[in-house]
Amino acid sequence: MLQSGVTLWEYQPQVMHAKDLVVDDVVCVGSANLDTRSLQLNFEFLLWLPSPVLSIQLRARIDHDCALAWQVPADWSQHRTALQRLLQSWSHFLLARVDPFVARGQFCHLR
């Protein structure tokens, strides 16, 4: 995403698990993550609210939170060690390939 020009921010005071999105005058809030499990297996909740007033309020909140965060540098990936890259590759494999396969087996009795 960084290579595509997306700006990422890491919130500093604590871990933030919020999923908020504002596009024009539409607000989206919910529990879904952008991963295979959330999008295909889990029972996630997303609420789309077309509200100019709410979008202004959420933009203000996001601006406030970004003031408490640091911007991830665009060349972040170039500063990782070989061990960090290896661990990231294995983590991605486990979450993207193994976990959905295992989870489907656990949910097959619900069909």
C-alpha atoms as a PDB file:
ATOM      1  CA  MET A   1       0.000   0.000   0.000  1.00  0.00           C
ATOM      2  CA  LEU A   2       2.853   2.387   0.782  1.00  0.00           C
ATOM      3  CA  GLN A   3       4.332   1.816  -2.671  1.00  0.00           C
ATOM      4  CA  SER A   4       0.945   2.781  -4.172  1.00  0.00           C
ATOM      5  CA  GLY A   5       0.963   6.133  -2.387  1.00  0.00           C
ATOM      6  CA  VAL A   6      -1.285   5.293   0.573  1.00  0.00           C
ATOM      7  CA  THR A   7      -0.403   7.155   3.763  1.00  0.00           C
ATOM      8  CA  LEU A   8      -0.326   4.964   6.879  1.00  0.00           C
ATOM      9  CA  TRP A   9      -0.337   6.250  10.432  1.00  0.00           C
ATOM     10  CA  GLU A  10       0.540   4.353  13.608  1.00  0.00           C
ATOM     11  CA  TYR A  11      -1.431   5.555  16.604  1.00  0.00           C
ATOM     12  CA  GLN A  12       0.925   6.020  19.550  1.00  0.00           C
ATOM     13  CA  PRO A  13      -1.017   6.303  22.842  1.00  0.00           C
ATOM     14  CA  GLN A  14      -2.316   2.705  22.690  1.00  0.00           C
ATOM     15  CA  VAL A  15      -3.535   0.023  20.346  1.00  0.00           C
ATOM     16  CA  MET A  16      -6.503   1.268  18.335  1.00  0.00           C
ATOM     17  CA  HIS A  17      -8.814  -1.358  16.897  1.00  0.00           C
ATOM     18  CA  ALA A  18     -11.290   1.008  15.246  1.00  0.00           C
ATOM     19  CA  LYS A  19     -12.455   0.498  11.689  1.00  0.00           C
ATOM     20  CA  ASP A  20     -13.710   3.836  10.436  1.00  0.00           C
ATOM     21  CA  LEU A  21     -13.914   5.098   6.882  1.00  0.00           C
ATOM     22  CA  VAL A  22     -15.208   8.355   5.432  1.00  0.00           C
ATOM     23  CA  VAL A  23     -15.802   8.706   1.690  1.00  0.00           C
ATOM     24  CA  ASP A  24     -17.422  11.959   0.611  1.00  0.00           C
ATOM     25  CA  ASP A  25     -20.529  12.177   2.835  1.00  0.00           C
ATOM     26  CA  VAL A  26     -20.722   8.471   3.699  1.00  0.00           C
ATOM     27  CA  VAL A  27     -19.399   7.015   6.948  1.00  0.00           C
ATOM     28  CA  CYS A  28     -18.563   3.329   7.346  1.00  0.00           C
ATOM     29  CA  VAL A  29     -17.940   1.838  10.795  1.00  0.00           C
ATOM     30  CA  GLY A  30     -17.809  -1.779  11.821  1.00  0.00           C
ATOM     31  CA  SER A  31     -15.861  -4.797  12.955  1.00  0.00           C
ATOM     32  CA  ALA A  32     -14.580  -6.219   9.645  1.00  0.00           C
ATOM     33  CA  ASN A  33     -10.873  -6.397   8.920  1.00  0.00           C
ATOM     34  CA  LEU A  34      -9.424  -6.455   5.418  1.00  0.00           C
ATOM     35  CA  ASP A  35      -8.361 -10.083   5.535  1.00  0.00           C
ATOM     36  CA  THR A  36      -9.635 -13.377   4.201  1.00  0.00           C
ATOM     37  CA  ARG A  37     -11.133 -14.540   7.486  1.00  0.00           C
ATOM     38  CA  SER A  38     -13.129 -11.342   8.058  1.00  0.00           C
ATOM     39  CA  LEU A  39     -14.341 -11.043   4.495  1.00  0.00           C
ATOM     40  CA  GLN A  40     -15.203 -14.710   3.826  1.00  0.00           C
ATOM     41  CA  LEU A  41     -15.631 -16.615   7.096  1.00  0.00           C
ATOM     42  CA  ASN A  42     -16.385 -14.431  10.093  1.00  0.00           C
ATOM     43  CA  PHE A  43     -19.727 -12.885  10.835  1.00  0.00           C
ATOM     44  CA  GLU A  44     -18.637  -9.255  10.661  1.00  0.00           C
ATOM     45  CA  PHE A  45     -20.662  -6.092  10.839  1.00  0.00           C
ATOM     46  CA  LEU A  46     -20.305  -2.995   8.659  1.00  0.00           C
ATOM     47  CA  LEU A  47     -22.613  -0.043   8.884  1.00  0.00           C
ATOM     48  CA  TRP A  48     -22.795   2.437   5.995  1.00  0.00           C
ATOM     49  CA  LEU A  49     -24.295   5.784   6.988  1.00  0.00           C
ATOM     50  CA  PRO A  50     -24.896   8.452   4.340  1.00  0.00           C
ATOM     51  CA  SER A  51     -24.677  11.490   6.615  1.00  0.00           C
ATOM     52  CA  PRO A  52     -22.890  14.768   5.854  1.00  0.00           C
ATOM     53  CA  VAL A  53     -23.010  15.786   9.528  1.00  0.00           C
ATOM     54  CA  LEU A  54     -21.581  12.472  10.761  1.00  0.00           C
ATOM     55  CA  SER A  55     -18.883  12.521   8.076  1.00  0.00           C
ATOM     56  CA  ILE A  56     -17.696  15.954   9.260  1.00  0.00           C
ATOM     57  CA  GLN A  57     -17.605  14.724  12.879  1.00  0.00           C
ATOM     58  CA  LEU A  58     -15.700  11.546  11.999  1.00  0.00           C
ATOM     59  CA  ARG A  59     -13.187  13.448   9.841  1.00  0.00           C
ATOM     60  CA  ALA A  60     -12.500  15.710  12.845  1.00  0.00           C
ATOM     61  CA  ARG A  61     -11.989  12.649  15.058  1.00  0.00           C
ATOM     62  CA  ILE A  62      -9.631  11.049  12.533  1.00  0.00           C
ATOM     63  CA  ASP A  63      -7.640  14.310  12.270  1.00  0.00           C
ATOM     64  CA  HIS A  64      -7.382  14.396  16.078  1.00  0.00           C
ATOM     65  CA  ASP A  65      -6.169  10.786  16.198  1.00  0.00           C
ATOM     66  CA  CYS A  66      -3.638  11.358  13.392  1.00  0.00           C
ATOM     67  CA  ALA A  67      -2.144  14.189  15.459  1.00  0.00           C
ATOM     68  CA  LEU A  68      -1.314  11.513  18.063  1.00  0.00           C
ATOM     69  CA  ALA A  69       0.251   9.181  15.496  1.00  0.00           C
ATOM     70  CA  TRP A  70       3.444   8.999  13.475  1.00  0.00           C
ATOM     71  CA  GLN A  71       3.474   8.581   9.728  1.00  0.00           C
ATOM     72  CA  VAL A  72       4.940   5.303   8.523  1.00  0.00           C
ATOM     73  CA  PRO A  73       7.722   6.211   6.051  1.00  0.00           C
ATOM     74  CA  ALA A  74       7.162   5.219   2.423  1.00  0.00           C
ATOM     75  CA  ASP A  75      10.450   3.285   2.445  1.00  0.00           C
ATOM     76  CA  TRP A  76       9.538   1.347   5.602  1.00  0.00           C
ATOM     77  CA  SER A  77       9.936  -2.050   3.935  1.00  0.00           C
ATOM     78  CA  GLN A  78      13.561  -1.312   3.013  1.00  0.00           C
ATOM     79  CA  HIS A  79      14.532  -1.028   6.689  1.00  0.00           C
ATOM     80  CA  ARG A  80      13.391  -4.499   7.733  1.00  0.00           C
ATOM     81  CA  THR A  81      15.918  -7.187   8.555  1.00  0.00           C
ATOM     82  CA  ALA A  82      16.015 -10.540   6.781  1.00  0.00           C
ATOM     83  CA  LEU A  83      14.466 -12.167   9.874  1.00  0.00           C
ATOM     84  CA  GLN A  84      11.598  -9.639   9.905  1.00  0.00           C
ATOM     85  CA  ARG A  85      10.912 -10.291   6.206  1.00  0.00           C
ATOM     86  CA  LEU A  86      10.960 -14.062   6.798  1.00  0.00           C
ATOM     87  CA  LEU A  87       8.570 -13.796   9.751  1.00  0.00           C
ATOM     88  CA  GLN A  88       6.248 -11.549   7.746  1.00  0.00           C
ATOM     89  CA  SER A  89       6.191 -14.031   4.859  1.00  0.00           C
ATOM     90  CA  TRP A  90       5.365 -16.947   7.164  1.00  0.00           C
ATOM     91  CA  SER A  91       2.731 -14.922   9.019  1.00  0.00           C
ATOM     92  CA  HIS A  92       1.081 -13.976   5.741  1.00  0.00           C
ATOM     93  CA  PHE A  93       1.106 -17.596   4.583  1.00  0.00           C
ATOM     94  CA  LEU A  94      -0.457 -18.826   7.825  1.00  0.00           C
ATOM     95  CA  LEU A  95      -3.157 -16.133   7.916  1.00  0.00           C
ATOM     96  CA  ALA A  96      -3.980 -16.068   4.210  1.00  0.00           C
ATOM     97  CA  ARG A  97      -3.727 -19.766   3.337  1.00  0.00           C
ATOM     98  CA  VAL A  98      -3.744 -22.050   6.380  1.00  0.00           C
ATOM     99  CA  ASP A  99      -6.184 -20.241   8.695  1.00  0.00           C
ATOM    100  CA  PRO A 100      -9.096 -20.021   6.191  1.00  0.00           C
ATOM    101  CA  PHE A 101      -8.648 -23.700   5.314  1.00  0.00           C
ATOM    102  CA  VAL A 102      -8.756 -24.723   8.984  1.00  0.00           C
ATOM    103  CA  ALA A 103     -11.680 -22.390   9.737  1.00  0.00           C
ATOM    104  CA  ARG A 104     -13.749 -23.761   6.845  1.00  0.00           C
ATOM    105  CA  GLY A 105     -13.340 -27.225   8.296  1.00  0.00           C
ATOM    106  CA  GLN A 106     -14.629 -26.006  11.634  1.00  0.00           C
ATOM    107  CA  PHE A 107     -17.686 -24.405  10.050  1.00  0.00           C
ATOM    108  CA  CYS A 108     -18.579 -27.194   7.591  1.00  0.00           C
ATOM    109  CA  HIS A 109     -21.182 -28.664   9.988  1.00  0.00           C
ATOM    110  CA  LEU A 110     -23.193 -25.415   9.757  1.00  0.00           C
ATOM    111  CA  ARG A 111     -24.115 -25.934   6.106  1.00  0.00           C
END
